[in-house]
PDB file of N, CA and C in Angstrom:
ATOM      1  N   UNK A   1     -15.212   4.976 -17.805  1.00  0.00           N
ATOM      2  CA  UNK A   1     -14.426   3.793 -18.112  1.00  0.00           C
ATOM      3  C   UNK A   1     -13.241   3.658 -17.157  1.00  0.00           C
ATOM      4  N   UNK A   2     -12.575   4.769 -16.866  1.00  0.00           N
ATOM      5  CA  UNK A   2     -11.418   4.704 -15.980  1.00  0.00           C
ATOM      6  C   UNK A   2     -11.813   4.316 -14.566  1.00  0.00           C
ATOM      7  N   UNK A   3     -12.983   4.750 -14.132  1.00  0.00           N
ATOM      8  CA  UNK A   3     -13.409   4.400 -12.773  1.00  0.00           C
ATOM      9  C   UNK A   3     -13.659   2.899 -12.651  1.00  0.00           C
ATOM     10  N   UNK A   4     -14.104   2.272 -13.736  1.00  0.00           N
ATOM     11  CA  UNK A   4     -14.300   0.822 -13.709  1.00  0.00           C
ATOM     12  C   UNK A   4     -12.956   0.103 -13.601  1.00  0.00           C
ATOM     13  N   UNK A   5     -11.955   0.617 -14.278  1.00  0.00           N
ATOM     14  CA  UNK A   5     -10.619   0.009 -14.205  1.00  0.00           C
ATOM     15  C   UNK A   5     -10.066   0.134 -12.799  1.00  0.00           C
ATOM     16  N   UNK A   6     -10.224   1.304 -12.186  1.00  0.00           N
ATOM     17  CA  UNK A   6      -9.746   1.492 -10.817  1.00  0.00           C
ATOM     18  C   UNK A   6     -10.493   0.604  -9.834  1.00  0.00           C
ATOM     19  N   UNK A   7     -11.788   0.421 -10.060  1.00  0.00           N
ATOM     20  CA  UNK A   7     -12.581  -0.448  -9.182  1.00  0.00           C
ATOM     21  C   UNK A   7     -12.132  -1.899  -9.308  1.00  0.00           C
ATOM     22  N   UNK A   8     -11.836  -2.339 -10.517  1.00  0.00           N
ATOM     23  CA  UNK A   8     -11.362  -3.712 -10.722  1.00  0.00           C
ATOM     24  C   UNK A   8      -9.997  -3.901 -10.069  1.00  0.00           C
ATOM     25  N   UNK A   9      -9.112  -2.925 -10.240  1.00  0.00           N
ATOM     26  CA  UNK A   9      -7.787  -3.011  -9.628  1.00  0.00           C
ATOM     27  C   UNK A   9      -7.882  -3.051  -8.112  1.00  0.00           C
ATOM     28  N   UNK A  10      -8.729  -2.208  -7.541  1.00  0.00           N
ATOM     29  CA  UNK A  10      -8.899  -2.193  -6.083  1.00  0.00           C
ATOM     30  C   UNK A  10      -9.475  -3.515  -5.593  1.00  0.00           C
ATOM     31  N   UNK A  11     -10.442  -4.057  -6.310  1.00  0.00           N
ATOM     32  CA  UNK A  11     -11.042  -5.328  -5.914  1.00  0.00           C
ATOM     33  C   UNK A  11     -10.027  -6.462  -5.969  1.00  0.00           C
ATOM     34  N   UNK A  12      -9.166  -6.450  -6.980  1.00  0.00           N
ATOM     35  CA  UNK A  12      -8.149  -7.502  -7.098  1.00  0.00           C
ATOM     36  C   UNK A  12      -7.139  -7.399  -5.967  1.00  0.00           C
ATOM     37  N   UNK A  13      -6.705  -6.188  -5.640  1.00  0.00           N
ATOM     38  CA  UNK A  13      -5.749  -6.027  -4.545  1.00  0.00           C
ATOM     39  C   UNK A  13      -6.374  -6.387  -3.200  1.00  0.00           C
ATOM     40  N   UNK A  14      -7.627  -6.059  -2.989  1.00  0.00           N
ATOM     41  CA  UNK A  14      -8.296  -6.419  -1.737  1.00  0.00           C
ATOM     42  C   UNK A  14      -8.454  -7.932  -1.633  1.00  0.00           C
ATOM     43  N   UNK A  15      -8.839  -8.574  -2.732  1.00  0.00           N
ATOM     44  CA  UNK A  15      -8.958 -10.032  -2.726  1.00  0.00           C
ATOM     45  C   UNK A  15      -7.601 -10.686  -2.487  1.00  0.00           C
ATOM     46  N   UNK A  16      -6.557 -10.150  -3.090  1.00  0.00           N
ATOM     47  CA  UNK A  16      -5.214 -10.697  -2.891  1.00  0.00           C
ATOM     48  C   UNK A  16      -4.775 -10.523  -1.439  1.00  0.00           C
ATOM     49  N   UNK A  17      -5.120  -9.401  -0.825  1.00  0.00           N
ATOM     50  CA  UNK A  17      -4.791  -9.179   0.580  1.00  0.00           C
ATOM     51  C   UNK A  17      -5.504 -10.196   1.470  1.00  0.00           C
ATOM     52  N   UNK A  18      -6.776 -10.393   1.217  1.00  0.00           N
ATOM     53  CA  UNK A  18      -7.536 -11.333   2.037  1.00  0.00           C
ATOM     54  C   UNK A  18      -7.014 -12.763   1.869  1.00  0.00           C
ATOM     55  N   UNK A  19      -6.697 -13.149   0.651  1.00  0.00           N
ATOM     56  CA  UNK A  19      -6.159 -14.489   0.421  1.00  0.00           C
ATOM     57  C   UNK A  19      -4.772 -14.654   1.034  1.00  0.00           C
ATOM     58  N   UNK A  20      -3.947 -13.622   0.967  1.00  0.00           N
ATOM     59  CA  UNK A  20      -2.616 -13.686   1.572  1.00  0.00           C
ATOM     60  C   UNK A  20      -2.713 -13.803   3.087  1.00  0.00           C
ATOM     61  N   UNK A  21      -3.607 -13.033   3.672  1.00  0.00           N
ATOM     62  CA  UNK A  21      -3.815 -13.088   5.117  1.00  0.00           C
ATOM     63  C   UNK A  21      -4.291 -14.479   5.532  1.00  0.00           C
ATOM     64  N   UNK A  22      -5.204 -15.045   4.757  1.00  0.00           N
ATOM     65  CA  UNK A  22      -5.721 -16.385   5.042  1.00  0.00           C
ATOM     66  C   UNK A  22      -4.621 -17.441   4.875  1.00  0.00           C
ATOM     67  N   UNK A  23      -3.846 -17.331   3.815  1.00  0.00           N
ATOM     68  CA  UNK A  23      -2.819 -18.333   3.530  1.00  0.00           C
ATOM     69  C   UNK A  23      -1.686 -18.304   4.549  1.00  0.00           C
ATOM     70  N   UNK A  24      -1.252 -17.119   4.951  1.00  0.00           N
ATOM     71  CA  UNK A  24      -0.156 -17.044   5.918  1.00  0.00           C
ATOM     72  C   UNK A  24      -0.604 -17.437   7.320  1.00  0.00           C
ATOM     73  N   UNK A  25      -1.901 -17.474   7.553  1.00  0.00           N
ATOM     74  CA  UNK A  25      -2.400 -17.938   8.840  1.00  0.00           C
ATOM     75  C   UNK A  25      -2.137 -19.420   9.069  1.00  0.00           C
ATOM     76  N   UNK A  26      -1.874 -20.153   8.023  1.00  0.00           N
ATOM     77  CA  UNK A  26      -1.613 -21.588   8.139  1.00  0.00           C
ATOM     78  C   UNK A  26      -0.180 -21.887   8.564  1.00  0.00           C
ATOM     79  N   UNK A  27       0.706 -20.898   8.481  1.00  0.00           N
ATOM     80  CA  UNK A  27       2.102 -21.120   8.844  1.00  0.00           C
ATOM     81  C   UNK A  27       2.303 -20.960  10.345  1.00  0.00           C
ATOM     82  N   UNK A  28       3.215 -21.737  10.891  1.00  0.00           N
ATOM     83  CA  UNK A  28       3.543 -21.664  12.314  1.00  0.00           C
ATOM     84  C   UNK A  28       4.816 -20.828  12.474  1.00  0.00           C
ATOM     85  N   UNK A  29       4.625 -19.555  12.778  1.00  0.00           N
ATOM     86  CA  UNK A  29       5.774 -18.661  12.918  1.00  0.00           C
ATOM     87  C   UNK A  29       6.439 -18.766  14.285  1.00  0.00           C
ATOM     88  N   UNK A  30       5.808 -19.430  15.225  1.00  0.00           N
ATOM     89  CA  UNK A  30       6.364 -19.487  16.580  1.00  0.00           C
ATOM     90  C   UNK A  30       7.682 -20.254  16.623  1.00  0.00           C
ATOM     91  N   UNK A  31       7.915 -21.131  15.668  1.00  0.00           N
ATOM     92  CA  UNK A  31       9.187 -21.863  15.634  1.00  0.00           C
ATOM     93  C   UNK A  31      10.331 -20.984  15.150  1.00  0.00           C
ATOM     94  N   UNK A  32      10.023 -19.963  14.360  1.00  0.00           N
ATOM     95  CA  UNK A  32      11.058 -19.139  13.744  1.00  0.00           C
ATOM     96  C   UNK A  32      11.355 -17.854  14.520  1.00  0.00           C
ATOM     97  N   UNK A  33      10.499 -17.487  15.441  1.00  0.00           N
ATOM     98  CA  UNK A  33      10.616 -16.213  16.135  1.00  0.00           C
ATOM     99  C   UNK A  33      11.189 -16.445  17.526  1.00  0.00           C
ATOM    100  N   UNK A  34      12.071 -15.547  17.956  1.00  0.00           N
ATOM    101  CA  UNK A  34      12.630 -15.636  19.296  1.00  0.00           C
ATOM    102  C   UNK A  34      11.544 -15.384  20.336  1.00  0.00           C
ATOM    103  N   UNK A  35      11.686 -16.015  21.456  1.00  0.00           N
ATOM    104  CA  UNK A  35      10.711 -15.863  22.524  1.00  0.00           C
ATOM    105  C   UNK A  35      10.770 -14.448  23.090  1.00  0.00           C
ATOM    106  N   UNK A  36       9.602 -13.825  23.252  1.00  0.00           N
ATOM    107  CA  UNK A  36       9.537 -12.480  23.814  1.00  0.00           C
ATOM    108  C   UNK A  36       9.553 -11.375  22.770  1.00  0.00           C
ATOM    109  N   UNK A  37       9.605 -11.714  21.501  1.00  0.00           N
ATOM    110  CA  UNK A  37       9.629 -10.717  20.426  1.00  0.00           C
ATOM    111  C   UNK A  37       8.296 -10.723  19.680  1.00  0.00           C
ATOM    112  N   UNK A  38       7.228 -10.547  20.412  1.00  0.00           N
ATOM    113  CA  UNK A  38       5.889 -10.656  19.842  1.00  0.00           C
ATOM    114  C   UNK A  38       5.601  -9.510  18.886  1.00  0.00           C
ATOM    115  N   UNK A  39       5.930  -8.293  19.273  1.00  0.00           N
ATOM    116  CA  UNK A  39       5.664  -7.130  18.425  1.00  0.00           C
ATOM    117  C   UNK A  39       6.420  -7.230  17.104  1.00  0.00           C
ATOM    118  N   UNK A  40       7.667  -7.624  17.165  1.00  0.00           N
ATOM    119  CA  UNK A  40       8.454  -7.779  15.943  1.00  0.00           C
ATOM    120  C   UNK A  40       7.890  -8.885  15.057  1.00  0.00           C
ATOM    121  N   UNK A  41       7.377  -9.945  15.655  1.00  0.00           N
ATOM    122  CA  UNK A  41       6.778 -11.028  14.876  1.00  0.00           C
ATOM    123  C   UNK A  41       5.506 -10.548  14.185  1.00  0.00           C
ATOM    124  N   UNK A  42       4.711  -9.737  14.864  1.00  0.00           N
ATOM    125  CA  UNK A  42       3.493  -9.203  14.251  1.00  0.00           C
ATOM    126  C   UNK A  42       3.820  -8.258  13.109  1.00  0.00           C
ATOM    127  N   UNK A  43       4.830  -7.430  13.274  1.00  0.00           N
ATOM    128  CA  UNK A  43       5.242  -6.518  12.197  1.00  0.00           C
ATOM    129  C   UNK A  43       5.730  -7.316  10.993  1.00  0.00           C
ATOM    130  N   UNK A  44       6.528  -8.342  11.233  1.00  0.00           N
ATOM    131  CA  UNK A  44       7.001  -9.199  10.148  1.00  0.00           C
ATOM    132  C   UNK A  44       5.841  -9.874   9.432  1.00  0.00           C
ATOM    133  N   UNK A  45       4.861 -10.337  10.185  1.00  0.00           N
ATOM    134  CA  UNK A  45       3.691 -10.992   9.600  1.00  0.00           C
ATOM    135  C   UNK A  45       2.953 -10.030   8.677  1.00  0.00           C
ATOM    136  N   UNK A  46       2.724  -8.810   9.110  1.00  0.00           N
ATOM    137  CA  UNK A  46       2.009  -7.830   8.277  1.00  0.00           C
ATOM    138  C   UNK A  46       2.816  -7.426   7.044  1.00  0.00           C
ATOM    139  N   UNK A  47       4.126  -7.326   7.191  1.00  0.00           N
ATOM    140  CA  UNK A  47       4.969  -7.020   6.030  1.00  0.00           C
ATOM    141  C   UNK A  47       4.881  -8.155   5.012  1.00  0.00           C
ATOM    142  N   UNK A  48       4.902  -9.385   5.485  1.00  0.00           N
ATOM    143  CA  UNK A  48       4.776 -10.531   4.583  1.00  0.00           C
ATOM    144  C   UNK A  48       3.412 -10.572   3.906  1.00  0.00           C
ATOM    145  N   UNK A  49       2.349 -10.290   4.646  1.00  0.00           N
ATOM    146  CA  UNK A  49       1.007 -10.279   4.067  1.00  0.00           C
ATOM    147  C   UNK A  49       0.895  -9.201   2.995  1.00  0.00           C
ATOM    148  N   UNK A  50       1.351  -7.995   3.307  1.00  0.00           N
ATOM    149  CA  UNK A  50       1.256  -6.899   2.337  1.00  0.00           C
ATOM    150  C   UNK A  50       2.109  -7.165   1.100  1.00  0.00           C
ATOM    151  N   UNK A  51       3.294  -7.712   1.306  1.00  0.00           N
ATOM    152  CA  UNK A  51       4.174  -8.006   0.174  1.00  0.00           C
ATOM    153  C   UNK A  51       3.583  -9.077  -0.731  1.00  0.00           C
ATOM    154  N   UNK A  52       3.091 -10.138  -0.135  1.00  0.00           N
ATOM    155  CA  UNK A  52       2.498 -11.218  -0.919  1.00  0.00           C
ATOM    156  C   UNK A  52       1.245 -10.743  -1.650  1.00  0.00           C
ATOM    157  N   UNK A  53       0.444  -9.916  -0.985  1.00  0.00           N
ATOM    158  CA  UNK A  53      -0.769  -9.391  -1.619  1.00  0.00           C
ATOM    159  C   UNK A  53      -0.415  -8.498  -2.801  1.00  0.00           C
ATOM    160  N   UNK A  54       0.586  -7.642  -2.640  1.00  0.00           N
ATOM    161  CA  UNK A  54       0.985  -6.763  -3.739  1.00  0.00           C
ATOM    162  C   UNK A  54       1.521  -7.561  -4.921  1.00  0.00           C
ATOM    163  N   UNK A  55       2.370  -8.531  -4.637  1.00  0.00           N
ATOM    164  CA  UNK A  55       2.954  -9.324  -5.721  1.00  0.00           C
ATOM    165  C   UNK A  55       1.905 -10.154  -6.450  1.00  0.00           C
ATOM    166  N   UNK A  56       1.038 -10.810  -5.702  1.00  0.00           N
ATOM    167  CA  UNK A  56       0.020 -11.626  -6.366  1.00  0.00           C
ATOM    168  C   UNK A  56      -1.015 -10.764  -7.077  1.00  0.00           C
ATOM    169  N   UNK A  57      -1.386  -9.623  -6.508  1.00  0.00           N
ATOM    170  CA  UNK A  57      -2.306  -8.717  -7.181  1.00  0.00           C
ATOM    171  C   UNK A  57      -1.717  -8.148  -8.459  1.00  0.00           C
ATOM    172  N   UNK A  58      -0.447  -7.783  -8.417  1.00  0.00           N
ATOM    173  CA  UNK A  58       0.226  -7.270  -9.609  1.00  0.00           C
ATOM    174  C   UNK A  58       0.328  -8.339 -10.682  1.00  0.00           C
ATOM    175  N   UNK A  59       0.548  -9.573 -10.273  1.00  0.00           N
ATOM    176  CA  UNK A  59       0.616 -10.669 -11.233  1.00  0.00           C
ATOM    177  C   UNK A  59      -0.727 -10.855 -11.930  1.00  0.00           C
ATOM    178  N   UNK A  60      -1.799 -10.868 -11.173  1.00  0.00           N
ATOM    179  CA  UNK A  60      -3.131 -11.047 -11.766  1.00  0.00           C
ATOM    180  C   UNK A  60      -3.463  -9.875 -12.687  1.00  0.00           C
ATOM    181  N   UNK A  61      -3.144  -8.666 -12.282  1.00  0.00           N
ATOM    182  CA  UNK A  61      -3.408  -7.505 -13.128  1.00  0.00           C
ATOM    183  C   UNK A  61      -2.582  -7.539 -14.411  1.00  0.00           C
ATOM    184  N   UNK A  62      -1.352  -8.021 -14.320  1.00  0.00           N
ATOM    185  CA  UNK A  62      -0.522  -8.140 -15.510  1.00  0.00           C
ATOM    186  C   UNK A  62      -1.113  -9.174 -16.478  1.00  0.00           C
ATOM    187  N   UNK A  63      -1.673 -10.231 -15.945  1.00  0.00           N
ATOM    188  CA  UNK A  63      -2.316 -11.227 -16.806  1.00  0.00           C
ATOM    189  C   UNK A  63      -3.561 -10.666 -17.480  1.00  0.00           C
ATOM    190  N   UNK A  64      -4.289  -9.843 -16.769  1.00  0.00           N
ATOM    191  CA  UNK A  64      -5.538  -9.316 -17.307  1.00  0.00           C
ATOM    192  C   UNK A  64      -5.292  -8.218 -18.338  1.00  0.00           C
ATOM    193  N   UNK A  65      -4.435  -7.268 -18.028  1.00  0.00           N
ATOM    194  CA  UNK A  65      -4.306  -6.056 -18.839  1.00  0.00           C
ATOM    195  C   UNK A  65      -3.158  -6.072 -19.845  1.00  0.00           C
ATOM    196  N   UNK A  66      -2.364  -7.118 -19.883  1.00  0.00           N
ATOM    197  CA  UNK A  66      -1.243  -7.126 -20.844  1.00  0.00           C
ATOM    198  C   UNK A  66      -1.274  -8.349 -21.687  1.00  0.00           C
TER     199      UNK A  66
END
């Protein structure tokens, strides 16, 4: 039973990551980032994707299990 719960949680977090990555791809970050700071912009993008995925995944899990 516990392995099924872990599998559902992992699937929800993976789906949230994929949706966050897809959704943030629609934003134009080039207007907000200084020219020549490509590496920093990529790091910021990944931090935003991971943060949004964690928050949305936690929200969905809270709706399901509480």
